[in-house]
Amino acid sequence: MVLNPATPLETLSHYLHLLDKVTIMTVDPGYAGQPFIPEMVEKIARLQQIKQQRGLSFLIEVDGSCNRQTYRKLLEAGAQVLILGSSGLFRPDVPLAQAWDTLIQDLDEASHSPAHA
């Protein structure tokens, strides 16, 4: 199930126990390169809280402007899967091997932040 930024979490309330994964869009869908919507971090955190309170096991996935400026915030909020696109991995100005190495380093640092220790 995918939630656009304007769709409230309550829309899924009665279905969460049936889902394997919930994807939170952190940009308005439509085209690449849109700006990250910071309020979505709180939406992810609320979804994580609901998941824990209800003892559910679905994955929390994030799509939209996942990059080195947002990894840590997203992971700390509860994201488990990050969909990477042109702002995070497939950047036209950086060779893929270099972007991959940077990604691994960034995710390692983000996953070892105090919230994940």
C-alpha atoms as a PDB file:
ATOM      1  CA  MET A   1       0.000   0.000   0.000  1.00  0.00           C
ATOM      2  CA  VAL A   2       1.333   3.445  -0.887  1.00  0.00           C
ATOM      3  CA  LEU A   3       0.350   6.658   0.860  1.00  0.00           C
ATOM      4  CA  ASN A   4       0.778   9.952  -0.946  1.00  0.00           C
ATOM      5  CA  PRO A   5       1.846  12.890   1.233  1.00  0.00           C
ATOM      6  CA  ALA A   6      -1.702  14.251   1.526  1.00  0.00           C
ATOM      7  CA  THR A   7      -3.255  10.882   2.452  1.00  0.00           C
ATOM      8  CA  PRO A   8      -3.711  10.493   6.218  1.00  0.00           C
ATOM      9  CA  LEU A   9      -2.460   7.375   8.013  1.00  0.00           C
ATOM     10  CA  GLU A  10      -5.974   6.814   9.301  1.00  0.00           C
ATOM     11  CA  THR A  11      -6.924   5.718   5.778  1.00  0.00           C
ATOM     12  CA  LEU A  12      -5.038   2.464   6.425  1.00  0.00           C
ATOM     13  CA  SER A  13      -6.023   1.971  10.041  1.00  0.00           C
ATOM     14  CA  HIS A  14      -8.376  -0.964   9.460  1.00  0.00           C
ATOM     15  CA  TYR A  15      -6.066  -2.678   6.952  1.00  0.00           C
ATOM     16  CA  LEU A  16      -2.618  -2.491   8.541  1.00  0.00           C
ATOM     17  CA  HIS A  17      -2.836  -6.033   9.939  1.00  0.00           C
ATOM     18  CA  LEU A  18      -3.271  -7.329   6.371  1.00  0.00           C
ATOM     19  CA  LEU A  19      -0.266  -5.552   4.860  1.00  0.00           C
ATOM     20  CA  ASP A  20       3.300  -6.720   4.297  1.00  0.00           C
ATOM     21  CA  LYS A  21       4.581  -3.252   3.456  1.00  0.00           C
ATOM     22  CA  VAL A  22       3.476   0.368   3.640  1.00  0.00           C
ATOM     23  CA  THR A  23       5.218   2.860   1.373  1.00  0.00           C
ATOM     24  CA  ILE A  24       5.232   6.492   2.433  1.00  0.00           C
ATOM     25  CA  MET A  25       5.785   8.948  -0.405  1.00  0.00           C
ATOM     26  CA  THR A  26       7.972  11.836   0.770  1.00  0.00           C
ATOM     27  CA  VAL A  27       7.410  13.828  -2.424  1.00  0.00           C
ATOM     28  CA  ASP A  28       4.271  14.442  -4.441  1.00  0.00           C
ATOM     29  CA  PRO A  29       4.281  11.735  -7.119  1.00  0.00           C
ATOM     30  CA  GLY A  30       4.501  12.614 -10.751  1.00  0.00           C
ATOM     31  CA  TYR A  31       8.071  13.340 -11.749  1.00  0.00           C
ATOM     32  CA  ALA A  32      11.631  12.975 -10.466  1.00  0.00           C
ATOM     33  CA  GLY A  33      13.470  15.722  -8.654  1.00  0.00           C
ATOM     34  CA  GLN A  34      10.690  17.055  -6.471  1.00  0.00           C
ATOM     35  CA  PRO A  35      11.664  18.428  -3.063  1.00  0.00           C
ATOM     36  CA  PHE A  36      11.485  16.287   0.062  1.00  0.00           C
ATOM     37  CA  ILE A  37       8.464  17.067   2.261  1.00  0.00           C
ATOM     38  CA  PRO A  38       9.883  17.245   5.829  1.00  0.00           C
ATOM     39  CA  GLU A  39       6.499  16.610   7.472  1.00  0.00           C
ATOM     40  CA  MET A  40       6.623  13.057   6.138  1.00  0.00           C
ATOM     41  CA  VAL A  41       9.285  12.178   8.734  1.00  0.00           C
ATOM     42  CA  GLU A  42       6.657  12.628  11.449  1.00  0.00           C
ATOM     43  CA  LYS A  43       4.195  10.546   9.422  1.00  0.00           C
ATOM     44  CA  ILE A  44       6.762   7.730   9.264  1.00  0.00           C
ATOM     45  CA  ALA A  45       7.373   8.006  13.019  1.00  0.00           C
ATOM     46  CA  ARG A  46       3.618   7.829  13.710  1.00  0.00           C
ATOM     47  CA  LEU A  47       3.306   4.776  11.469  1.00  0.00           C
ATOM     48  CA  GLN A  48       6.204   3.122  13.324  1.00  0.00           C
ATOM     49  CA  GLN A  49       4.511   3.890  16.641  1.00  0.00           C
ATOM     50  CA  ILE A  50       1.211   2.373  15.452  1.00  0.00           C
ATOM     51  CA  LYS A  51       3.093  -0.668  14.162  1.00  0.00           C
ATOM     52  CA  GLN A  52       4.755  -1.217  17.552  1.00  0.00           C
ATOM     53  CA  GLN A  53       1.605  -0.559  19.577  1.00  0.00           C
ATOM     54  CA  ARG A  54      -0.354  -3.121  17.566  1.00  0.00           C
ATOM     55  CA  GLY A  55       2.466  -5.654  17.368  1.00  0.00           C
ATOM     56  CA  LEU A  56       2.432  -5.650  13.565  1.00  0.00           C
ATOM     57  CA  SER A  57       5.259  -6.710  11.282  1.00  0.00           C
ATOM     58  CA  PHE A  58       4.803  -4.860   7.985  1.00  0.00           C
ATOM     59  CA  LEU A  59       7.805  -3.105   6.471  1.00  0.00           C
ATOM     60  CA  ILE A  60       7.930   0.676   6.313  1.00  0.00           C
ATOM     61  CA  GLU A  61       9.270   1.780   2.952  1.00  0.00           C
ATOM     62  CA  VAL A  62      10.000   5.319   1.803  1.00  0.00           C
ATOM     63  CA  ASP A  63       9.986   6.640  -1.743  1.00  0.00           C
ATOM     64  CA  GLY A  64      10.941  10.141  -2.806  1.00  0.00           C
ATOM     65  CA  SER A  65      14.122  12.139  -2.452  1.00  0.00           C
ATOM     66  CA  CYS A  66      15.931   9.528  -0.352  1.00  0.00           C
ATOM     67  CA  ASN A  67      19.487  10.829  -0.251  1.00  0.00           C
ATOM     68  CA  ARG A  68      22.349  11.628   2.074  1.00  0.00           C
ATOM     69  CA  GLN A  69      20.457  14.620   3.522  1.00  0.00           C
ATOM     70  CA  THR A  70      17.465  12.439   4.453  1.00  0.00           C
ATOM     71  CA  TYR A  71      18.763   8.893   5.216  1.00  0.00           C
ATOM     72  CA  ARG A  72      19.355   9.423   8.916  1.00  0.00           C
ATOM     73  CA  LYS A  73      16.022  11.168   9.540  1.00  0.00           C
ATOM     74  CA  LEU A  74      14.127   8.471   7.670  1.00  0.00           C
ATOM     75  CA  LEU A  75      15.855   5.573   9.425  1.00  0.00           C
ATOM     76  CA  GLU A  76      15.469   7.174  12.844  1.00  0.00           C
ATOM     77  CA  ALA A  77      11.751   7.692  12.185  1.00  0.00           C
ATOM     78  CA  GLY A  78      11.308   3.989  11.430  1.00  0.00           C
ATOM     79  CA  ALA A  79      11.900   3.496   7.711  1.00  0.00           C
ATOM     80  CA  GLN A  80      13.257   0.040   6.896  1.00  0.00           C
ATOM     81  CA  VAL A  81      13.369   0.232   3.097  1.00  0.00           C
ATOM     82  CA  LEU A  82      14.523   3.254   1.091  1.00  0.00           C
ATOM     83  CA  ILE A  83      13.758   3.514  -2.613  1.00  0.00           C
ATOM     84  CA  LEU A  84      16.682   5.232  -4.275  1.00  0.00           C
ATOM     85  CA  GLY A  85      16.473   7.244  -7.449  1.00  0.00           C
ATOM     86  CA  SER A  86      18.254  10.139  -9.084  1.00  0.00           C
ATOM     87  CA  SER A  87      18.825  12.065  -5.851  1.00  0.00           C
ATOM     88  CA  GLY A  88      20.332   9.164  -3.920  1.00  0.00           C
ATOM     89  CA  LEU A  89      22.084   6.695  -6.177  1.00  0.00           C
ATOM     90  CA  PHE A  90      21.534   7.292  -9.880  1.00  0.00           C
ATOM     91  CA  ARG A  91      22.937  10.803 -10.011  1.00  0.00           C
ATOM     92  CA  PRO A  92      24.007  11.941 -13.472  1.00  0.00           C
ATOM     93  CA  ASP A  93      26.990  13.884 -12.101  1.00  0.00           C
ATOM     94  CA  VAL A  94      28.542  10.963 -10.169  1.00  0.00           C
ATOM     95  CA  PRO A  95      29.758   7.600 -11.518  1.00  0.00           C
ATOM     96  CA  LEU A  96      27.588   4.748 -10.226  1.00  0.00           C
ATOM     97  CA  ALA A  97      30.465   2.974  -8.428  1.00  0.00           C
ATOM     98  CA  GLN A  98      31.336   6.162  -6.547  1.00  0.00           C
ATOM     99  CA  ALA A  99      27.671   6.835  -5.737  1.00  0.00           C
ATOM    100  CA  TRP A 100      27.355   3.252  -4.435  1.00  0.00           C
ATOM    101  CA  ASP A 101      30.397   3.619  -2.162  1.00  0.00           C
ATOM    102  CA  THR A 102      29.060   6.914  -0.820  1.00  0.00           C
ATOM    103  CA  LEU A 103      25.641   5.350  -0.266  1.00  0.00           C
ATOM    104  CA  ILE A 104      27.087   2.458   1.744  1.00  0.00           C
ATOM    105  CA  GLN A 105      29.121   4.849   3.893  1.00  0.00           C
ATOM    106  CA  ASP A 106      26.143   7.180   4.445  1.00  0.00           C
ATOM    107  CA  LEU A 107      23.801   4.341   5.387  1.00  0.00           C
ATOM    108  CA  ASP A 108      26.397   2.831   7.707  1.00  0.00           C
ATOM    109  CA  GLU A 109      26.784   6.178   9.479  1.00  0.00           C
ATOM    110  CA  ALA A 110      23.013   6.679   9.633  1.00  0.00           C
ATOM    111  CA  SER A 111      22.400   3.199  11.031  1.00  0.00           C
ATOM    112  CA  HIS A 112      25.000   3.758  13.764  1.00  0.00           C
ATOM    113  CA  SER A 113      23.480   7.040  14.902  1.00  0.00           C
ATOM    114  CA  PRO A 114      22.478   7.287  18.600  1.00  0.00           C
ATOM    115  CA  ALA A 115      18.868   6.387  17.756  1.00  0.00           C
ATOM    116  CA  HIS A 116      20.034   3.029  16.377  1.00  0.00           C
ATOM    117  CA  ALA A 117      22.665   2.252  19.029  1.00  0.00           C
END
